[in-house]
Full PDB file with SEQRES, HELIX, SHEET, SSBOND, CRYST1, ORIGX, SCALE, CONECT and MASTER records, all heavy atoms in Angstrom:
SEQRES   1 A   43  SER GLN HIS THR LEU GLU ALA ASP VAL ILE HIS CYS HIS          
SEQRES   2 A   43  THR TRP TYR THR HIS LEU ALA GLY ILE PHE SER ARG GLU          
SEQRES   3 A   43  LEU VAL GLN SER PRO LEU ILE LEU THR THR HIS SER LEU          
SEQRES   4 A   43  GLU THR HIS ARG                                              
HELIX    1 AA1 TRP A   15  THR A   17  5                                   3    
HELIX    2 AA2 HIS A   18  SER A   24  1                                   7    
HELIX    3 AA3 ARG A   25  GLN A   29  3                                   5    
HELIX    4 AA4 GLU A   40  HIS A   42  5                                   3    
SHEET    1 AA1 2 ILE A  10  HIS A  13  0                                        
SHEET    2 AA1 2 LEU A  32  THR A  35  1                                        
CRYST1    1.000    1.000    1.000  90.00  90.00  90.00 P 1           1          
ORIGX1      1.000000  0.000000  0.000000        0.00000                         
ORIGX2      0.000000  1.000000  0.000000        0.00000                         
ORIGX3      0.000000  0.000000  1.000000        0.00000                         
SCALE1      1.000000  0.000000  0.000000        0.00000                         
SCALE2      0.000000  1.000000  0.000000        0.00000                         
SCALE3      0.000000  0.000000  1.000000        0.00000                         
ATOM      1  N   SER A   1     -21.787   4.674  37.885  1.00  0.00           N  
ATOM      2  CA  SER A   1     -20.515   5.352  38.166  1.00  0.00           C  
ATOM      3  C   SER A   1     -19.433   4.892  37.193  1.00  0.00           C  
ATOM      4  O   SER A   1     -18.621   5.699  36.722  1.00  0.00           O  
ATOM      5  CB  SER A   1     -20.106   5.056  39.618  1.00  0.00           C  
ATOM      6  OG  SER A   1     -18.985   5.832  39.982  1.00  0.00           O  
ATOM      7  N   GLN A   2     -19.435   3.616  36.872  1.00  0.00           N  
ATOM      8  CA  GLN A   2     -18.446   3.068  35.936  1.00  0.00           C  
ATOM      9  C   GLN A   2     -18.544   3.753  34.576  1.00  0.00           C  
ATOM     10  O   GLN A   2     -17.533   3.967  33.885  1.00  0.00           O  
ATOM     11  CB  GLN A   2     -18.630   1.561  35.779  1.00  0.00           C  
ATOM     12  CG  GLN A   2     -17.635   0.902  34.821  1.00  0.00           C  
ATOM     13  CD  GLN A   2     -17.927  -0.574  34.596  1.00  0.00           C  
ATOM     14  OE1 GLN A   2     -18.833  -1.131  35.240  1.00  0.00           O  
ATOM     15  NE2 GLN A   2     -17.165  -1.183  33.737  1.00  0.00           N  
ATOM     16  N   HIS A   3     -19.766   4.107  34.180  1.00  0.00           N  
ATOM     17  CA  HIS A   3     -20.007   4.707  32.863  1.00  0.00           C  
ATOM     18  C   HIS A   3     -20.010   6.244  32.900  1.00  0.00           C  
ATOM     19  O   HIS A   3     -20.507   6.873  31.979  1.00  0.00           O  
ATOM     20  CB  HIS A   3     -21.333   4.197  32.289  1.00  0.00           C  
ATOM     21  CG  HIS A   3     -21.276   2.775  31.834  1.00  0.00           C  
ATOM     22  ND1 HIS A   3     -20.680   2.394  30.671  1.00  0.00           N  
ATOM     23  CD2 HIS A   3     -21.730   1.651  32.432  1.00  0.00           C  
ATOM     24  CE1 HIS A   3     -20.779   1.079  30.534  1.00  0.00           C  
ATOM     25  NE2 HIS A   3     -21.410   0.598  31.602  1.00  0.00           N  
ATOM     26  N   THR A   4     -19.459   6.801  33.971  1.00  0.00           N  
ATOM     27  CA  THR A   4     -19.351   8.267  34.067  1.00  0.00           C  
ATOM     28  C   THR A   4     -17.887   8.613  34.353  1.00  0.00           C  
ATOM     29  O   THR A   4     -17.432   8.657  35.484  1.00  0.00           O  
ATOM     30  CB  THR A   4     -20.258   8.814  35.190  1.00  0.00           C  
ATOM     31  OG1 THR A   4     -21.601   8.356  34.959  1.00  0.00           O  
ATOM     32  CG2 THR A   4     -20.262  10.334  35.191  1.00  0.00           C  
ATOM     33  N   LEU A   5     -17.137   8.821  33.283  1.00  0.00           N  
ATOM     34  CA  LEU A   5     -15.690   9.022  33.406  1.00  0.00           C  
ATOM     35  C   LEU A   5     -15.315  10.481  33.646  1.00  0.00           C  
ATOM     36  O   LEU A   5     -14.251  10.782  34.180  1.00  0.00           O  
ATOM     37  CB  LEU A   5     -14.984   8.489  32.161  1.00  0.00           C  
ATOM     38  CG  LEU A   5     -15.192   7.005  31.864  1.00  0.00           C  
ATOM     39  CD1 LEU A   5     -14.455   6.604  30.588  1.00  0.00           C  
ATOM     40  CD2 LEU A   5     -14.710   6.152  33.042  1.00  0.00           C  
ATOM     41  N   GLU A   6     -16.201  11.386  33.234  1.00  0.00           N  
ATOM     42  CA  GLU A   6     -15.910  12.790  33.471  1.00  0.00           C  
ATOM     43  C   GLU A   6     -17.211  13.582  33.513  1.00  0.00           C  
ATOM     44  O   GLU A   6     -18.195  13.254  32.860  1.00  0.00           O  
ATOM     45  CB  GLU A   6     -14.994  13.359  32.375  1.00  0.00           C  
ATOM     46  CG  GLU A   6     -15.545  13.221  30.958  1.00  0.00           C  
ATOM     47  CD  GLU A   6     -14.619  13.846  29.935  1.00  0.00           C  
ATOM     48  OE1 GLU A   6     -13.737  14.613  30.312  1.00  0.00           O  
ATOM     49  OE2 GLU A   6     -14.812  13.575  28.723  1.00  0.00           O  
ATOM     50  N   ALA A   7     -17.199  14.613  34.320  1.00  0.00           N  
ATOM     51  CA  ALA A   7     -18.350  15.543  34.436  1.00  0.00           C  
ATOM     52  C   ALA A   7     -17.909  16.726  35.279  1.00  0.00           C  
ATOM     53  O   ALA A   7     -17.051  16.602  36.164  1.00  0.00           O  
ATOM     54  CB  ALA A   7     -19.541  14.846  35.108  1.00  0.00           C  
ATOM     55  N   ASP A   8     -18.475  17.876  34.975  1.00  0.00           N  
ATOM     56  CA  ASP A   8     -18.176  19.068  35.782  1.00  0.00           C  
ATOM     57  C   ASP A   8     -19.082  19.130  37.006  1.00  0.00           C  
ATOM     58  O   ASP A   8     -18.747  19.768  38.009  1.00  0.00           O  
ATOM     59  CB  ASP A   8     -18.371  20.323  34.932  1.00  0.00           C  
ATOM     60  CG  ASP A   8     -17.369  20.393  33.799  1.00  0.00           C  
ATOM     61  OD1 ASP A   8     -16.149  20.391  34.081  1.00  0.00           O  
ATOM     62  OD2 ASP A   8     -17.798  20.428  32.635  1.00  0.00           O  
ATOM     63  N   VAL A   9     -20.240  18.482  36.915  1.00  0.00           N  
ATOM     64  CA  VAL A   9     -21.164  18.431  38.042  1.00  0.00           C  
ATOM     65  C   VAL A   9     -21.996  17.167  37.921  1.00  0.00           C  
ATOM     66  O   VAL A   9     -22.306  16.717  36.814  1.00  0.00           O  
ATOM     67  CB  VAL A   9     -22.077  19.686  38.102  1.00  0.00           C  
ATOM     68  CG1 VAL A   9     -22.960  19.769  36.864  1.00  0.00           C  
ATOM     69  CG2 VAL A   9     -22.890  19.732  39.371  1.00  0.00           C  
ATOM     70  N   ILE A  10     -22.289  16.540  39.062  1.00  0.00           N  
ATOM     71  CA  ILE A  10     -23.103  15.331  39.106  1.00  0.00           C  
ATOM     72  C   ILE A  10     -24.395  15.678  39.829  1.00  0.00           C  
ATOM     73  O   ILE A  10     -24.373  16.172  40.956  1.00  0.00           O  
ATOM     74  CB  ILE A  10     -22.366  14.199  39.860  1.00  0.00           C  
ATOM     75  CG1 ILE A  10     -21.041  13.906  39.160  1.00  0.00           C  
ATOM     76  CG2 ILE A  10     -23.215  12.943  39.951  1.00  0.00           C  
ATOM     77  CD1 ILE A  10     -19.929  13.557  40.133  1.00  0.00           C  
ATOM     78  N   HIS A  11     -25.520  15.409  39.175  1.00  0.00           N  
ATOM     79  CA  HIS A  11     -26.826  15.828  39.717  1.00  0.00           C  
ATOM     80  C   HIS A  11     -27.720  14.575  39.835  1.00  0.00           C  
ATOM     81  O   HIS A  11     -28.117  13.969  38.827  1.00  0.00           O  
ATOM     82  CB  HIS A  11     -27.466  16.838  38.773  1.00  0.00           C  
ATOM     83  CG  HIS A  11     -28.709  17.454  39.326  1.00  0.00           C  
ATOM     84  ND1 HIS A  11     -29.407  18.438  38.654  1.00  0.00           N  
ATOM     85  CD2 HIS A  11     -29.426  17.233  40.478  1.00  0.00           C  
ATOM     86  CE1 HIS A  11     -30.468  18.782  39.353  1.00  0.00           C  
ATOM     87  NE2 HIS A  11     -30.518  18.076  40.454  1.00  0.00           N  
ATOM     88  N   CYS A  12     -28.019  14.166  41.054  1.00  0.00           N  
ATOM     89  CA  CYS A  12     -28.796  12.951  41.327  1.00  0.00           C  
ATOM     90  C   CYS A  12     -30.237  13.268  41.675  1.00  0.00           C  
ATOM     91  O   CYS A  12     -30.540  14.247  42.366  1.00  0.00           O  
ATOM     92  CB  CYS A  12     -28.197  12.172  42.483  1.00  0.00           C  
ATOM     93  SG  CYS A  12     -26.660  11.347  42.089  1.00  0.00           S  
ATOM     94  N   HIS A  13     -31.122  12.365  41.223  1.00  0.00           N  
ATOM     95  CA  HIS A  13     -32.560  12.495  41.492  1.00  0.00           C  
ATOM     96  C   HIS A  13     -33.053  11.220  42.142  1.00  0.00           C  
ATOM     97  O   HIS A  13     -33.034  10.150  41.530  1.00  0.00           O  
ATOM     98  CB  HIS A  13     -33.295  12.763  40.187  1.00  0.00           C  
ATOM     99  CG  HIS A  13     -32.922  14.068  39.536  1.00  0.00           C  
ATOM    100  ND1 HIS A  13     -33.650  15.218  39.706  1.00  0.00           N  
ATOM    101  CD2 HIS A  13     -31.838  14.403  38.780  1.00  0.00           C  
ATOM    102  CE1 HIS A  13     -33.051  16.214  39.047  1.00  0.00           C  
ATOM    103  NE2 HIS A  13     -31.959  15.730  38.493  1.00  0.00           N  
ATOM    104  N   THR A  14     -33.495  11.312  43.383  1.00  0.00           N  
ATOM    105  CA  THR A  14     -34.030  10.261  44.256  1.00  0.00           C  
ATOM    106  C   THR A  14     -32.927   9.342  44.751  1.00  0.00           C  
ATOM    107  O   THR A  14     -31.880   9.193  44.121  1.00  0.00           O  
ATOM    108  CB  THR A  14     -35.168   9.421  43.605  1.00  0.00           C  
ATOM    109  OG1 THR A  14     -34.620   8.502  42.652  1.00  0.00           O  
ATOM    110  CG2 THR A  14     -36.193  10.305  42.955  1.00  0.00           C  
ATOM    111  N   TRP A  15     -33.191   8.671  45.874  1.00  0.00           N  
ATOM    112  CA  TRP A  15     -32.213   7.844  46.561  1.00  0.00           C  
ATOM    113  C   TRP A  15     -31.714   6.698  45.683  1.00  0.00           C  
ATOM    114  O   TRP A  15     -30.593   6.164  45.913  1.00  0.00           O  
ATOM    115  CB  TRP A  15     -32.787   7.274  47.864  1.00  0.00           C  
ATOM    116  CG  TRP A  15     -33.751   6.142  47.631  1.00  0.00           C  
ATOM    117  CD1 TRP A  15     -35.093   6.240  47.513  1.00  0.00           C  
ATOM    118  CD2 TRP A  15     -33.443   4.756  47.520  1.00  0.00           C  
ATOM    119  NE1 TRP A  15     -35.654   4.992  47.290  1.00  0.00           N  
ATOM    120  CE2 TRP A  15     -34.654   4.074  47.303  1.00  0.00           C  
ATOM    121  CE3 TRP A  15     -32.248   4.014  47.557  1.00  0.00           C  
ATOM    122  CZ2 TRP A  15     -34.719   2.687  47.124  1.00  0.00           C  
ATOM    123  CZ3 TRP A  15     -32.317   2.644  47.397  1.00  0.00           C  
ATOM    124  CH2 TRP A  15     -33.536   1.988  47.177  1.00  0.00           C  
ATOM    125  N   TYR A  16     -32.510   6.308  44.682  1.00  0.00           N  
ATOM    126  CA  TYR A  16     -32.120   5.188  43.844  1.00  0.00           C  
ATOM    127  C   TYR A  16     -30.737   5.366  43.206  1.00  0.00           C  
ATOM    128  O   TYR A  16     -30.063   4.397  42.898  1.00  0.00           O  
ATOM    129  CB  TYR A  16     -33.151   4.982  42.725  1.00  0.00           C  
ATOM    130  CG  TYR A  16     -34.459   4.402  43.179  1.00  0.00           C  
ATOM    131  CD1 TYR A  16     -35.565   5.222  43.415  1.00  0.00           C  
ATOM    132  CD2 TYR A  16     -34.610   3.024  43.366  1.00  0.00           C  
ATOM    133  CE1 TYR A  16     -36.779   4.671  43.832  1.00  0.00           C  
ATOM    134  CE2 TYR A  16     -35.801   2.482  43.781  1.00  0.00           C  
ATOM    135  CZ  TYR A  16     -36.897   3.314  44.004  1.00  0.00           C  
ATOM    136  OH  TYR A  16     -38.092   2.781  44.427  1.00  0.00           O  
ATOM    137  N   THR A  17     -30.310   6.612  42.999  1.00  0.00           N  
ATOM    138  CA  THR A  17     -29.046   6.880  42.322  1.00  0.00           C  
ATOM    139  C   THR A  17     -28.017   7.569  43.245  1.00  0.00           C  
ATOM    140  O   THR A  17     -26.958   7.967  42.778  1.00  0.00           O  
ATOM    141  CB  THR A  17     -29.250   7.737  41.086  1.00  0.00           C  
ATOM    142  OG1 THR A  17     -29.747   9.049  41.466  1.00  0.00           O  
ATOM    143  CG2 THR A  17     -30.246   7.096  40.127  1.00  0.00           C  
ATOM    144  N   HIS A  18     -28.330   7.715  44.513  1.00  0.00           N  
ATOM    145  CA  HIS A  18     -27.447   8.479  45.404  1.00  0.00           C  
ATOM    146  C   HIS A  18     -26.071   7.834  45.572  1.00  0.00           C  
ATOM    147  O   HIS A  18     -25.049   8.540  45.650  1.00  0.00           O  
ATOM    148  CB  HIS A  18     -28.108   8.660  46.758  1.00  0.00           C  
ATOM    149  CG  HIS A  18     -29.157   9.737  46.766  1.00  0.00           C  
ATOM    150  ND1 HIS A  18     -29.953   9.994  47.879  1.00  0.00           N  
ATOM    151  CD2 HIS A  18     -29.528  10.621  45.831  1.00  0.00           C  
ATOM    152  CE1 HIS A  18     -30.776  10.982  47.587  1.00  0.00           C  
ATOM    153  NE2 HIS A  18     -30.541  11.379  46.360  1.00  0.00           N  
ATOM    154  N   LEU A  19     -26.014   6.517  45.637  1.00  0.00           N  
ATOM    155  CA  LEU A  19     -24.710   5.868  45.792  1.00  0.00           C  
ATOM    156  C   LEU A  19     -23.836   6.122  44.577  1.00  0.00           C  
ATOM    157  O   LEU A  19     -22.633   6.367  44.691  1.00  0.00           O  
ATOM    158  CB  LEU A  19     -24.873   4.369  46.015  1.00  0.00           C  
ATOM    159  CG  LEU A  19     -25.030   3.877  47.471  1.00  0.00           C  
ATOM    160  CD1 LEU A  19     -25.098   2.363  47.493  1.00  0.00           C  
ATOM    161  CD2 LEU A  19     -23.906   4.385  48.354  1.00  0.00           C  
ATOM    162  N   ALA A  20     -24.436   6.076  43.378  1.00  0.00           N  
ATOM    163  CA  ALA A  20     -23.704   6.367  42.179  1.00  0.00           C  
ATOM    164  C   ALA A  20     -23.147   7.793  42.235  1.00  0.00           C  
ATOM    165  O   ALA A  20     -22.016   8.057  41.799  1.00  0.00           O  
ATOM    166  CB  ALA A  20     -24.580   6.183  40.941  1.00  0.00           C  
ATOM    167  N   GLY A  21     -23.933   8.705  42.752  1.00  0.00           N  
ATOM    168  CA  GLY A  21     -23.470  10.082  42.891  1.00  0.00           C  
ATOM    169  C   GLY A  21     -22.293  10.205  43.837  1.00  0.00           C  
ATOM    170  O   GLY A  21     -21.325  10.917  43.556  1.00  0.00           O  
ATOM    171  N   ILE A  22     -22.362   9.505  44.961  1.00  0.00           N  
ATOM    172  CA  ILE A  22     -21.277   9.541  45.937  1.00  0.00           C  
ATOM    173  C   ILE A  22     -19.987   8.949  45.338  1.00  0.00           C  
ATOM    174  O   ILE A  22     -18.902   9.532  45.451  1.00  0.00           O  
ATOM    175  CB  ILE A  22     -21.670   8.775  47.223  1.00  0.00           C  
ATOM    176  CG1 ILE A  22     -22.812   9.493  47.950  1.00  0.00           C  
ATOM    177  CG2 ILE A  22     -20.470   8.638  48.159  1.00  0.00           C  
ATOM    178  CD1 ILE A  22     -23.425   8.696  49.079  1.00  0.00           C  
ATOM    179  N   PHE A  23     -20.138   7.789  44.658  1.00  0.00           N  
ATOM    180  CA  PHE A  23     -18.979   7.170  44.038  1.00  0.00           C  
ATOM    181  C   PHE A  23     -18.343   8.110  43.011  1.00  0.00           C  
ATOM    182  O   PHE A  23     -17.123   8.336  43.013  1.00  0.00           O  
ATOM    183  CB  PHE A  23     -19.374   5.870  43.326  1.00  0.00           C  
ATOM    184  CG  PHE A  23     -19.886   4.782  44.238  1.00  0.00           C  
ATOM    185  CD1 PHE A  23     -20.704   3.780  43.726  1.00  0.00           C  
ATOM    186  CD2 PHE A  23     -19.546   4.744  45.573  1.00  0.00           C  
ATOM    187  CE1 PHE A  23     -21.179   2.757  44.539  1.00  0.00           C  
ATOM    188  CE2 PHE A  23     -20.016   3.735  46.390  1.00  0.00           C  
ATOM    189  CZ  PHE A  23     -20.829   2.731  45.885  1.00  0.00           C  
ATOM    190  N   SER A  24     -19.173   8.655  42.140  1.00  0.00           N  
ATOM    191  CA  SER A  24     -18.657   9.504  41.044  1.00  0.00           C  
ATOM    192  C   SER A  24     -18.061  10.811  41.567  1.00  0.00           C  
ATOM    193  O   SER A  24     -17.088  11.313  40.997  1.00  0.00           O  
ATOM    194  CB  SER A  24     -19.762   9.795  40.031  1.00  0.00           C  
ATOM    195  OG  SER A  24     -20.141   8.592  39.368  1.00  0.00           O  
ATOM    196  N   ARG A  25     -18.615  11.348  42.631  1.00  0.00           N  
ATOM    197  CA  ARG A  25     -18.049  12.567  43.220  1.00  0.00           C  
ATOM    198  C   ARG A  25     -16.584  12.335  43.585  1.00  0.00           C  
ATOM    199  O   ARG A  25     -15.729  13.208  43.325  1.00  0.00           O  
ATOM    200  CB  ARG A  25     -18.835  12.967  44.467  1.00  0.00           C  
ATOM    201  CG  ARG A  25     -18.287  14.208  45.168  1.00  0.00           C  
ATOM    202  CD  ARG A  25     -19.004  14.461  46.489  1.00  0.00           C  
ATOM    203  NE  ARG A  25     -18.595  15.728  47.095  1.00  0.00           N  
ATOM    204  CZ  ARG A  25     -17.554  15.875  47.898  1.00  0.00           C  
ATOM    205  NH1 ARG A  25     -16.800  14.803  48.194  1.00  0.00           N  
ATOM    206  NH2 ARG A  25     -17.253  17.070  48.395  1.00  0.00           N  
ATOM    207  N   GLU A  26     -16.293  11.212  44.186  1.00  0.00           N  
ATOM    208  CA  GLU A  26     -14.915  10.920  44.609  1.00  0.00           C  
ATOM    209  C   GLU A  26     -14.027  10.547  43.408  1.00  0.00           C  
ATOM    210  O   GLU A  26     -12.871  10.968  43.344  1.00  0.00           O  
ATOM    211  CB  GLU A  26     -14.910   9.797  45.646  1.00  0.00           C  
ATOM    212  CG  GLU A  26     -15.750  10.068  46.878  1.00  0.00           C  
ATOM    213  CD  GLU A  26     -15.397  11.387  47.558  1.00  0.00           C  
ATOM    214  OE1 GLU A  26     -14.188  11.746  47.623  1.00  0.00           O  
ATOM    215  OE2 GLU A  26     -16.326  12.088  48.021  1.00  0.00           O  
ATOM    216  N   LEU A  27     -14.570   9.779  42.476  1.00  0.00           N  
ATOM    217  CA  LEU A  27     -13.760   9.292  41.366  1.00  0.00           C  
ATOM    218  C   LEU A  27     -13.495  10.371  40.314  1.00  0.00           C  
ATOM    219  O   LEU A  27     -12.409  10.425  39.732  1.00  0.00           O  
ATOM    220  CB  LEU A  27     -14.437   8.095  40.700  1.00  0.00           C  
ATOM    221  CG  LEU A  27     -14.551   6.837  41.585  1.00  0.00           C  
ATOM    222  CD1 LEU A  27     -15.464   5.832  40.896  1.00  0.00           C  
ATOM    223  CD2 LEU A  27     -13.176   6.221  41.837  1.00  0.00           C  
ATOM    224  N   VAL A  28     -14.479  11.218  40.083  1.00  0.00           N  
ATOM    225  CA  VAL A  28     -14.346  12.269  39.068  1.00  0.00           C  
ATOM    226  C   VAL A  28     -13.853  13.560  39.678  1.00  0.00           C  
ATOM    227  O   VAL A  28     -13.338  14.446  38.990  1.00  0.00           O  
ATOM    228  CB  VAL A  28     -15.723  12.479  38.352  1.00  0.00           C  
ATOM    229  CG1 VAL A  28     -15.639  13.563  37.310  1.00  0.00           C  
ATOM    230  CG2 VAL A  28     -16.202  11.173  37.728  1.00  0.00           C  
ATOM    231  N   GLN A  29     -14.008  13.674  40.998  1.00  0.00           N  
ATOM    232  CA  GLN A  29     -13.625  14.890  41.727  1.00  0.00           C  
ATOM    233  C   GLN A  29     -14.377  16.124  41.213  1.00  0.00           C  
ATOM    234  O   GLN A  29     -13.801  17.160  40.868  1.00  0.00           O  
ATOM    235  CB  GLN A  29     -12.095  15.128  41.659  1.00  0.00           C  
ATOM    236  CG  GLN A  29     -11.301  14.223  42.577  1.00  0.00           C  
ATOM    237  CD  GLN A  29     -11.605  14.498  44.061  1.00  0.00           C  
ATOM    238  OE1 GLN A  29     -11.228  15.537  44.588  1.00  0.00           O  
ATOM    239  NE2 GLN A  29     -12.260  13.541  44.702  1.00  0.00           N  
ATOM    240  N   SER A  30     -15.708  15.947  41.191  1.00  0.00           N  
ATOM    241  CA  SER A  30     -16.612  17.029  40.819  1.00  0.00           C  
ATOM    242  C   SER A  30     -17.729  17.096  41.842  1.00  0.00           C  
ATOM    243  O   SER A  30     -18.035  16.091  42.509  1.00  0.00           O  
ATOM    244  CB  SER A  30     -17.185  16.799  39.417  1.00  0.00           C  
ATOM    245  OG  SER A  30     -16.186  16.899  38.423  1.00  0.00           O  
ATOM    246  N   PRO A  31     -18.345  18.250  42.003  1.00  0.00           N  
ATOM    247  CA  PRO A  31     -19.371  18.411  43.038  1.00  0.00           C  
ATOM    248  C   PRO A  31     -20.625  17.585  42.777  1.00  0.00           C  
ATOM    249  O   PRO A  31     -21.017  17.346  41.634  1.00  0.00           O  
ATOM    250  CB  PRO A  31     -19.672  19.916  43.031  1.00  0.00           C  
ATOM    251  CG  PRO A  31     -19.293  20.372  41.659  1.00  0.00           C  
ATOM    252  CD  PRO A  31     -18.123  19.518  41.249  1.00  0.00           C  
ATOM    253  N   LEU A  32     -21.272  17.178  43.887  1.00  0.00           N  
ATOM    254  CA  LEU A  32     -22.485  16.408  43.847  1.00  0.00           C  
ATOM    255  C   LEU A  32     -23.662  17.277  44.281  1.00  0.00           C  
ATOM    256  O   LEU A  32     -23.624  17.913  45.339  1.00  0.00           O  
ATOM    257  CB  LEU A  32     -22.369  15.191  44.781  1.00  0.00           C  
ATOM    258  CG  LEU A  32     -23.643  14.371  45.025  1.00  0.00           C  
ATOM    259  CD1 LEU A  32     -24.158  13.752  43.729  1.00  0.00           C  
ATOM    260  CD2 LEU A  32     -23.391  13.303  46.093  1.00  0.00           C  
ATOM    261  N   ILE A  33     -24.711  17.294  43.461  1.00  0.00           N  
ATOM    262  CA  ILE A  33     -25.939  18.025  43.788  1.00  0.00           C  
ATOM    263  C   ILE A  33     -27.086  17.032  43.803  1.00  0.00           C  
ATOM    264  O   ILE A  33     -27.187  16.148  42.935  1.00  0.00           O  
ATOM    265  CB  ILE A  33     -26.206  19.151  42.740  1.00  0.00           C  
ATOM    266  CG1 ILE A  33     -25.132  20.235  42.866  1.00  0.00           C  
ATOM    267  CG2 ILE A  33     -27.603  19.742  42.916  1.00  0.00           C  
ATOM    268  CD1 ILE A  33     -25.237  21.322  41.818  1.00  0.00           C  
ATOM    269  N   LEU A  34     -27.943  17.144  44.793  1.00  0.00           N  
ATOM    270  CA  LEU A  34     -29.134  16.301  44.927  1.00  0.00           C  
ATOM    271  C   LEU A  34     -30.379  17.140  44.805  1.00  0.00           C  
ATOM    272  O   LEU A  34     -30.439  18.256  45.330  1.00  0.00           O  
ATOM    273  CB  LEU A  34     -29.170  15.584  46.263  1.00  0.00           C  
ATOM    274  CG  LEU A  34     -27.905  14.810  46.716  1.00  0.00           C  
ATOM    275  CD1 LEU A  34     -28.147  14.213  48.099  1.00  0.00           C  
ATOM    276  CD2 LEU A  34     -27.568  13.719  45.715  1.00  0.00           C  
ATOM    277  N   THR A  35     -31.374  16.624  44.121  1.00  0.00           N  
ATOM    278  CA  THR A  35     -32.719  17.248  44.135  1.00  0.00           C  
ATOM    279  C   THR A  35     -33.615  16.422  45.032  1.00  0.00           C  
ATOM    280  O   THR A  35     -33.730  15.208  44.871  1.00  0.00           O  
ATOM    281  CB  THR A  35     -33.309  17.365  42.731  1.00  0.00           C  
ATOM    282  OG1 THR A  35     -32.610  18.361  41.999  1.00  0.00           O  
ATOM    283  CG2 THR A  35     -34.784  17.765  42.795  1.00  0.00           C  
ATOM    284  N   THR A  36     -34.270  17.088  45.979  1.00  0.00           N  
ATOM    285  CA  THR A  36     -35.145  16.395  46.934  1.00  0.00           C  
ATOM    286  C   THR A  36     -36.576  16.294  46.381  1.00  0.00           C  
ATOM    287  O   THR A  36     -37.345  17.228  46.502  1.00  0.00           O  
ATOM    288  CB  THR A  36     -35.207  17.132  48.285  1.00  0.00           C  
ATOM    289  OG1 THR A  36     -35.691  18.459  48.062  1.00  0.00           O  
ATOM    290  CG2 THR A  36     -33.848  17.204  48.914  1.00  0.00           C  
ATOM    291  N   HIS A  37     -36.859  15.181  45.744  1.00  0.00           N  
ATOM    292  CA  HIS A  37     -38.222  14.923  45.259  1.00  0.00           C  
ATOM    293  C   HIS A  37     -39.091  14.364  46.388  1.00  0.00           C  
ATOM    294  O   HIS A  37     -40.307  14.481  46.373  1.00  0.00           O  
ATOM    295  CB  HIS A  37     -38.191  13.958  44.102  1.00  0.00           C  
ATOM    296  CG  HIS A  37     -37.471  14.491  42.882  1.00  0.00           C  
ATOM    297  ND1 HIS A  37     -38.048  15.407  42.027  1.00  0.00           N  
ATOM    298  CD2 HIS A  37     -36.223  14.270  42.414  1.00  0.00           C  
ATOM    299  CE1 HIS A  37     -37.190  15.703  41.069  1.00  0.00           C  
ATOM    300  NE2 HIS A  37     -36.088  15.011  41.282  1.00  0.00           N  
ATOM    301  N   SER A  38     -38.438  13.709  47.342  1.00  0.00           N  
ATOM    302  CA  SER A  38     -39.109  13.170  48.533  1.00  0.00           C  
ATOM    303  C   SER A  38     -38.009  12.749  49.488  1.00  0.00           C  
ATOM    304  O   SER A  38     -36.809  12.770  49.129  1.00  0.00           O  
ATOM    305  CB  SER A  38     -39.997  11.962  48.169  1.00  0.00           C  
ATOM    306  OG  SER A  38     -39.217  10.928  47.593  1.00  0.00           O  
ATOM    307  N   LEU A  39     -38.384  12.336  50.702  1.00  0.00           N  
ATOM    308  CA  LEU A  39     -37.402  11.854  51.666  1.00  0.00           C  
ATOM    309  C   LEU A  39     -37.851  10.475  52.186  1.00  0.00           C  
ATOM    310  O   LEU A  39     -39.002  10.315  52.594  1.00  0.00           O  
ATOM    311  CB  LEU A  39     -37.288  12.825  52.850  1.00  0.00           C  
ATOM    312  CG  LEU A  39     -36.650  14.200  52.535  1.00  0.00           C  
ATOM    313  CD1 LEU A  39     -36.699  15.083  53.774  1.00  0.00           C  
ATOM    314  CD2 LEU A  39     -35.225  14.047  52.033  1.00  0.00           C  
ATOM    315  N   GLU A  40     -36.910   9.534  52.146  1.00  0.00           N  
ATOM    316  CA  GLU A  40     -37.251   8.176  52.589  1.00  0.00           C  
ATOM    317  C   GLU A  40     -37.695   8.175  54.059  1.00  0.00           C  
ATOM    318  O   GLU A  40     -38.566   7.400  54.443  1.00  0.00           O  
ATOM    319  CB  GLU A  40     -36.047   7.262  52.403  1.00  0.00           C  
ATOM    320  CG  GLU A  40     -35.736   6.929  50.968  1.00  0.00           C  
ATOM    321  CD  GLU A  40     -36.882   6.190  50.298  1.00  0.00           C  
ATOM    322  OE1 GLU A  40     -37.046   4.970  50.532  1.00  0.00           O  
ATOM    323  OE2 GLU A  40     -37.628   6.843  49.543  1.00  0.00           O  
ATOM    324  N   THR A  41     -37.084   8.974  54.884  1.00  0.00           N  
ATOM    325  CA  THR A  41     -37.414   8.985  56.296  1.00  0.00           C  
ATOM    326  C   THR A  41     -38.872   9.398  56.540  1.00  0.00           C  
ATOM    327  O   THR A  41     -39.429   9.109  57.600  1.00  0.00           O  
ATOM    328  CB  THR A  41     -36.463   9.915  57.071  1.00  0.00           C  
ATOM    329  OG1 THR A  41     -36.651   9.735  58.469  1.00  0.00           O  
ATOM    330  CG2 THR A  41     -36.678  11.384  56.710  1.00  0.00           C  
ATOM    331  N   HIS A  42     -39.475  10.045  55.558  1.00  0.00           N  
ATOM    332  CA  HIS A  42     -40.879  10.471  55.677  1.00  0.00           C  
ATOM    333  C   HIS A  42     -41.835   9.499  55.009  1.00  0.00           C  
ATOM    334  O   HIS A  42     -43.030   9.777  54.895  1.00  0.00           O  
ATOM    335  CB  HIS A  42     -41.058  11.860  55.064  1.00  0.00           C  
ATOM    336  CG  HIS A  42     -40.539  12.949  55.901  1.00  0.00           C  
ATOM    337  ND1 HIS A  42     -40.415  14.254  55.461  1.00  0.00           N  
ATOM    338  CD2 HIS A  42     -40.096  12.968  57.190  1.00  0.00           C  
ATOM    339  CE1 HIS A  42     -39.909  15.012  56.432  1.00  0.00           C  
ATOM    340  NE2 HIS A  42     -39.713  14.249  57.474  1.00  0.00           N  
ATOM    341  N   ARG A  43     -41.302   8.355  54.531  1.00  0.00           N  
ATOM    342  CA  ARG A  43     -42.166   7.395  53.832  1.00  0.00           C  
ATOM    343  C   ARG A  43     -42.022   5.998  54.419  1.00  0.00           C  
ATOM    344  O   ARG A  43     -41.618   5.052  53.743  1.00  0.00           O  
ATOM    345  CB  ARG A  43     -41.817   7.387  52.328  1.00  0.00           C  
ATOM    346  CG  ARG A  43     -41.921   8.769  51.697  1.00  0.00           C  
ATOM    347  CD  ARG A  43     -42.044   8.679  50.192  1.00  0.00           C  
ATOM    348  NE  ARG A  43     -40.824   8.214  49.562  1.00  0.00           N  
ATOM    349  CZ  ARG A  43     -40.735   7.987  48.252  1.00  0.00           C  
ATOM    350  NH1 ARG A  43     -41.793   8.133  47.471  1.00  0.00           N  
ATOM    351  NH2 ARG A  43     -39.599   7.573  47.723  1.00  0.00           N  
TER     352      ARG A  43                                                      
MASTER        0    0    0    4    2    0    0    6  351    1    0    4          
END                                                                             
């Protein structure tokens, strides 16, 4: 998140980066999109 100062859209892949996506969504004020490669609750 610290190294993402601007973006029109933030696209996260897997839970490993989801917190970075949440942080950057608020700091950059751009939409967050997630791709569901799997779900932790099912593993």
